């Protein structure tokens, strides 16, 4: 295995991790809500009810903040070039599988991995272990079995 030292970015990775932790801490401290991107985005796509309309503002602000973050970052440092390593059909299929997985596990990596583990949730521990194991198996199969 070769390490691309030019792609090694400990400071930007640390900054990203700190921002994720800060956003999770602020959301739970200010609104009593746990960060889970699939739940936040999914609630915006459902038919509105009176309860969901009251929750709509902070959810939209959170998603817009995620979209705005790279734009703000680009004021200070260049953004990495986006690369699609596979065909659009494979990317779409992968996205649908991720969506299916988040529904099955009642959450995504941000909800279970960041917030659930910090709250010592056994369900989140099981979900996160499953995410990691599935990812490792997928990488192994794609690199060593299919390729």
C-alpha atoms as a PDB file:
ATOM      1  CA  UNK A   1       0.000   0.000   0.000  1.00  0.00           C
ATOM      2  CA  UNK A   2       1.269   3.459  -0.880  1.00  0.00           C
ATOM      3  CA  UNK A   3       0.420   6.509   1.188  1.00  0.00           C
ATOM      4  CA  UNK A   4      -0.146   9.698  -0.782  1.00  0.00           C
ATOM      5  CA  UNK A   5       1.450  12.174   1.595  1.00  0.00           C
ATOM      6  CA  UNK A   6       0.272  15.067  -0.560  1.00  0.00           C
ATOM      7  CA  UNK A   7      -3.295  13.999   0.280  1.00  0.00           C
ATOM      8  CA  UNK A   8      -2.613  13.698   4.026  1.00  0.00           C
ATOM      9  CA  UNK A   9      -4.569  16.550   5.631  1.00  0.00           C
ATOM     10  CA  UNK A  10      -4.466  16.297   9.415  1.00  0.00           C
ATOM     11  CA  UNK A  11      -5.294  19.954  10.114  1.00  0.00           C
ATOM     12  CA  UNK A  12      -8.312  20.172   7.826  1.00  0.00           C
ATOM     13  CA  UNK A  13      -9.485  16.784   9.104  1.00  0.00           C
ATOM     14  CA  UNK A  14      -9.134  18.004  12.690  1.00  0.00           C
ATOM     15  CA  UNK A  15     -11.018  21.209  11.851  1.00  0.00           C
ATOM     16  CA  UNK A  16     -13.805  19.219  10.202  1.00  0.00           C
ATOM     17  CA  UNK A  17     -14.098  16.898  13.188  1.00  0.00           C
ATOM     18  CA  UNK A  18     -14.212  19.844  15.584  1.00  0.00           C
ATOM     19  CA  UNK A  19     -16.957  21.497  13.520  1.00  0.00           C
ATOM     20  CA  UNK A  20     -19.000  18.294  13.451  1.00  0.00           C
ATOM     21  CA  UNK A  21     -18.627  17.930  17.222  1.00  0.00           C
ATOM     22  CA  UNK A  22     -19.456  21.595  17.789  1.00  0.00           C
ATOM     23  CA  UNK A  23     -22.586  21.394  15.632  1.00  0.00           C
ATOM     24  CA  UNK A  24     -23.730  18.250  17.456  1.00  0.00           C
ATOM     25  CA  UNK A  25     -23.087  19.834  20.852  1.00  0.00           C
ATOM     26  CA  UNK A  26     -24.857  23.082  19.926  1.00  0.00           C
ATOM     27  CA  UNK A  27     -27.890  21.301  18.509  1.00  0.00           C
ATOM     28  CA  UNK A  28     -28.368  19.180  21.621  1.00  0.00           C
ATOM     29  CA  UNK A  29     -27.614  22.066  24.000  1.00  0.00           C
ATOM     30  CA  UNK A  30     -29.826  24.633  22.267  1.00  0.00           C
ATOM     31  CA  UNK A  31     -32.674  22.511  20.907  1.00  0.00           C
ATOM     32  CA  UNK A  32     -32.364  19.196  22.734  1.00  0.00           C
ATOM     33  CA  UNK A  33     -32.068  17.414  19.376  1.00  0.00           C
ATOM     34  CA  UNK A  34     -29.574  14.747  18.329  1.00  0.00           C
ATOM     35  CA  UNK A  35     -27.719  15.270  15.060  1.00  0.00           C
ATOM     36  CA  UNK A  36     -28.643  12.688  12.471  1.00  0.00           C
ATOM     37  CA  UNK A  37     -28.435  13.941   8.926  1.00  0.00           C
ATOM     38  CA  UNK A  38     -30.816  11.322   7.518  1.00  0.00           C
ATOM     39  CA  UNK A  39     -33.463  12.267  10.075  1.00  0.00           C
ATOM     40  CA  UNK A  40     -32.976  16.001   9.620  1.00  0.00           C
ATOM     41  CA  UNK A  41     -33.127  15.827   5.821  1.00  0.00           C
ATOM     42  CA  UNK A  42     -35.817  13.137   5.774  1.00  0.00           C
ATOM     43  CA  UNK A  43     -38.183  15.252   7.877  1.00  0.00           C
ATOM     44  CA  UNK A  44     -37.865  18.076   5.356  1.00  0.00           C
ATOM     45  CA  UNK A  45     -39.032  15.740   2.568  1.00  0.00           C
ATOM     46  CA  UNK A  46     -42.161  14.457   4.353  1.00  0.00           C
ATOM     47  CA  UNK A  47     -45.628  15.937   4.058  1.00  0.00           C
ATOM     48  CA  UNK A  48     -45.866  18.750   6.601  1.00  0.00           C
ATOM     49  CA  UNK A  49     -47.854  18.493   9.809  1.00  0.00           C
ATOM     50  CA  UNK A  50     -48.228  21.211  12.417  1.00  0.00           C
ATOM     51  CA  UNK A  51     -45.457  19.637  14.520  1.00  0.00           C
ATOM     52  CA  UNK A  52     -43.095  19.282  11.550  1.00  0.00           C
ATOM     53  CA  UNK A  53     -43.698  22.880  10.445  1.00  0.00           C
ATOM     54  CA  UNK A  54     -42.462  24.090  13.849  1.00  0.00           C
ATOM     55  CA  UNK A  55     -39.321  21.943  13.374  1.00  0.00           C
ATOM     56  CA  UNK A  56     -38.803  22.938   9.745  1.00  0.00           C
ATOM     57  CA  UNK A  57     -36.770  26.125  10.358  1.00  0.00           C
ATOM     58  CA  UNK A  58     -33.859  24.652  12.288  1.00  0.00           C
ATOM     59  CA  UNK A  59     -33.743  21.624   9.977  1.00  0.00           C
ATOM     60  CA  UNK A  60     -33.530  23.815   6.879  1.00  0.00           C
ATOM     61  CA  UNK A  61     -30.912  26.034   8.557  1.00  0.00           C
ATOM     62  CA  UNK A  62     -28.822  22.954   9.415  1.00  0.00           C
ATOM     63  CA  UNK A  63     -28.931  21.633   5.821  1.00  0.00           C
ATOM     64  CA  UNK A  64     -28.168  25.088   4.384  1.00  0.00           C
ATOM     65  CA  UNK A  65     -25.226  25.337   6.778  1.00  0.00           C
ATOM     66  CA  UNK A  66     -23.866  22.056   5.422  1.00  0.00           C
ATOM     67  CA  UNK A  67     -24.173  23.393   1.873  1.00  0.00           C
ATOM     68  CA  UNK A  68     -22.643  26.760   2.792  1.00  0.00           C
ATOM     69  CA  UNK A  69     -19.666  25.311   4.699  1.00  0.00           C
ATOM     70  CA  UNK A  70     -17.599  24.396   1.620  1.00  0.00           C
ATOM     71  CA  UNK A  71     -18.360  27.779   0.090  1.00  0.00           C
ATOM     72  CA  UNK A  72     -17.034  29.519   3.199  1.00  0.00           C
ATOM     73  CA  UNK A  73     -14.027  27.167   3.290  1.00  0.00           C
ATOM     74  CA  UNK A  74     -13.219  28.071  -0.322  1.00  0.00           C
ATOM     75  CA  UNK A  75     -12.609  31.663   0.815  1.00  0.00           C
ATOM     76  CA  UNK A  76      -9.617  30.446   2.839  1.00  0.00           C
ATOM     77  CA  UNK A  77      -8.308  27.414   0.954  1.00  0.00           C
ATOM     78  CA  UNK A  78      -8.921  25.721  -2.380  1.00  0.00           C
ATOM     79  CA  UNK A  79     -11.496  22.962  -2.495  1.00  0.00           C
ATOM     80  CA  UNK A  80     -10.451  19.513  -3.631  1.00  0.00           C
ATOM     81  CA  UNK A  81     -11.548  18.539  -7.099  1.00  0.00           C
ATOM     82  CA  UNK A  82     -14.633  16.351  -7.007  1.00  0.00           C
ATOM     83  CA  UNK A  83     -14.104  12.939  -8.544  1.00  0.00           C
ATOM     84  CA  UNK A  84     -16.728  10.355  -9.397  1.00  0.00           C
ATOM     85  CA  UNK A  85     -14.841   7.054  -9.408  1.00  0.00           C
ATOM     86  CA  UNK A  86     -17.719   5.136 -10.954  1.00  0.00           C
ATOM     87  CA  UNK A  87     -20.591   5.468 -13.390  1.00  0.00           C
ATOM     88  CA  UNK A  88     -23.640   7.572 -12.499  1.00  0.00           C
ATOM     89  CA  UNK A  89     -25.763   4.401 -12.310  1.00  0.00           C
ATOM     90  CA  UNK A  90     -23.461   2.889  -9.679  1.00  0.00           C
ATOM     91  CA  UNK A  91     -23.454   6.167  -7.713  1.00  0.00           C
ATOM     92  CA  UNK A  92     -27.281   6.256  -7.756  1.00  0.00           C
ATOM     93  CA  UNK A  93     -27.508   2.599  -6.715  1.00  0.00           C
ATOM     94  CA  UNK A  94     -25.042   3.230  -3.878  1.00  0.00           C
ATOM     95  CA  UNK A  95     -27.071   6.227  -2.695  1.00  0.00           C
ATOM     96  CA  UNK A  96     -30.274   4.180  -2.691  1.00  0.00           C
ATOM     97  CA  UNK A  97     -28.554   1.410  -0.725  1.00  0.00           C
ATOM     98  CA  UNK A  98     -27.298   3.932   1.824  1.00  0.00           C
ATOM     99  CA  UNK A  99     -30.820   5.335   2.156  1.00  0.00           C
ATOM    100  CA  UNK A 100     -32.211   1.820   2.631  1.00  0.00           C
ATOM    101  CA  UNK A 101     -29.549   1.101   5.264  1.00  0.00           C
ATOM    102  CA  UNK A 102     -30.296   4.255   7.221  1.00  0.00           C
ATOM    103  CA  UNK A 103     -33.984   3.320   7.323  1.00  0.00           C
ATOM    104  CA  UNK A 104     -33.161  -0.221   8.484  1.00  0.00           C
ATOM    105  CA  UNK A 105     -30.840   0.986  11.243  1.00  0.00           C
ATOM    106  CA  UNK A 106     -33.043   3.930  12.277  1.00  0.00           C
ATOM    107  CA  UNK A 107     -30.275   6.406  11.572  1.00  0.00           C
ATOM    108  CA  UNK A 108     -27.083   7.230   9.765  1.00  0.00           C
ATOM    109  CA  UNK A 109     -23.411   7.309  10.655  1.00  0.00           C
ATOM    110  CA  UNK A 110     -23.652  10.850  11.998  1.00  0.00           C
ATOM    111  CA  UNK A 111     -26.559  10.015  14.294  1.00  0.00           C
ATOM    112  CA  UNK A 112     -25.267   6.668  15.527  1.00  0.00           C
ATOM    113  CA  UNK A 113     -21.498   7.173  15.218  1.00  0.00           C
ATOM    114  CA  UNK A 114     -21.170  10.715  16.537  1.00  0.00           C
ATOM    115  CA  UNK A 115     -24.132  11.250  18.823  1.00  0.00           C
ATOM    116  CA  UNK A 116     -25.257   7.724  19.691  1.00  0.00           C
ATOM    117  CA  UNK A 117     -21.839   6.493  20.775  1.00  0.00           C
ATOM    118  CA  UNK A 118     -21.227   9.611  22.855  1.00  0.00           C
ATOM    119  CA  UNK A 119     -24.504   8.854  24.682  1.00  0.00           C
ATOM    120  CA  UNK A 120     -23.338   5.233  25.219  1.00  0.00           C
ATOM    121  CA  UNK A 121     -26.270   3.835  23.205  1.00  0.00           C
ATOM    122  CA  UNK A 122     -25.957   0.076  22.667  1.00  0.00           C
ATOM    123  CA  UNK A 123     -28.163   0.331  19.562  1.00  0.00           C
ATOM    124  CA  UNK A 124     -25.776   2.908  18.124  1.00  0.00           C
ATOM    125  CA  UNK A 125     -22.787   0.724  18.992  1.00  0.00           C
ATOM    126  CA  UNK A 126     -24.359  -2.176  17.066  1.00  0.00           C
ATOM    127  CA  UNK A 127     -25.278   0.083  14.131  1.00  0.00           C
ATOM    128  CA  UNK A 128     -21.817   1.670  13.958  1.00  0.00           C
ATOM    129  CA  UNK A 129     -20.091  -1.719  14.116  1.00  0.00           C
ATOM    130  CA  UNK A 130     -22.356  -2.871  11.286  1.00  0.00           C
ATOM    131  CA  UNK A 131     -21.542   0.235   9.213  1.00  0.00           C
ATOM    132  CA  UNK A 132     -17.811  -0.304   9.632  1.00  0.00           C
ATOM    133  CA  UNK A 133     -17.948  -4.051   8.971  1.00  0.00           C
ATOM    134  CA  UNK A 134     -20.103  -3.565   5.868  1.00  0.00           C
ATOM    135  CA  UNK A 135     -17.739  -0.890   4.565  1.00  0.00           C
ATOM    136  CA  UNK A 136     -14.696  -3.096   5.153  1.00  0.00           C
ATOM    137  CA  UNK A 137     -16.334  -6.060   3.426  1.00  0.00           C
ATOM    138  CA  UNK A 138     -17.383  -3.869   0.496  1.00  0.00           C
ATOM    139  CA  UNK A 139     -13.846  -2.524   0.046  1.00  0.00           C
ATOM    140  CA  UNK A 140     -12.403  -6.043   0.214  1.00  0.00           C
ATOM    141  CA  UNK A 141     -14.871  -7.396  -2.342  1.00  0.00           C
ATOM    142  CA  UNK A 142     -14.447  -4.433  -4.705  1.00  0.00           C
ATOM    143  CA  UNK A 143     -10.634  -4.517  -4.561  1.00  0.00           C
ATOM    144  CA  UNK A 144      -9.857  -8.197  -4.293  1.00  0.00           C
ATOM    145  CA  UNK A 145     -12.817 -10.207  -5.557  1.00  0.00           C
ATOM    146  CA  UNK A 146     -14.346  -8.123  -8.370  1.00  0.00           C
ATOM    147  CA  UNK A 147     -11.273  -6.188  -9.515  1.00  0.00           C
END
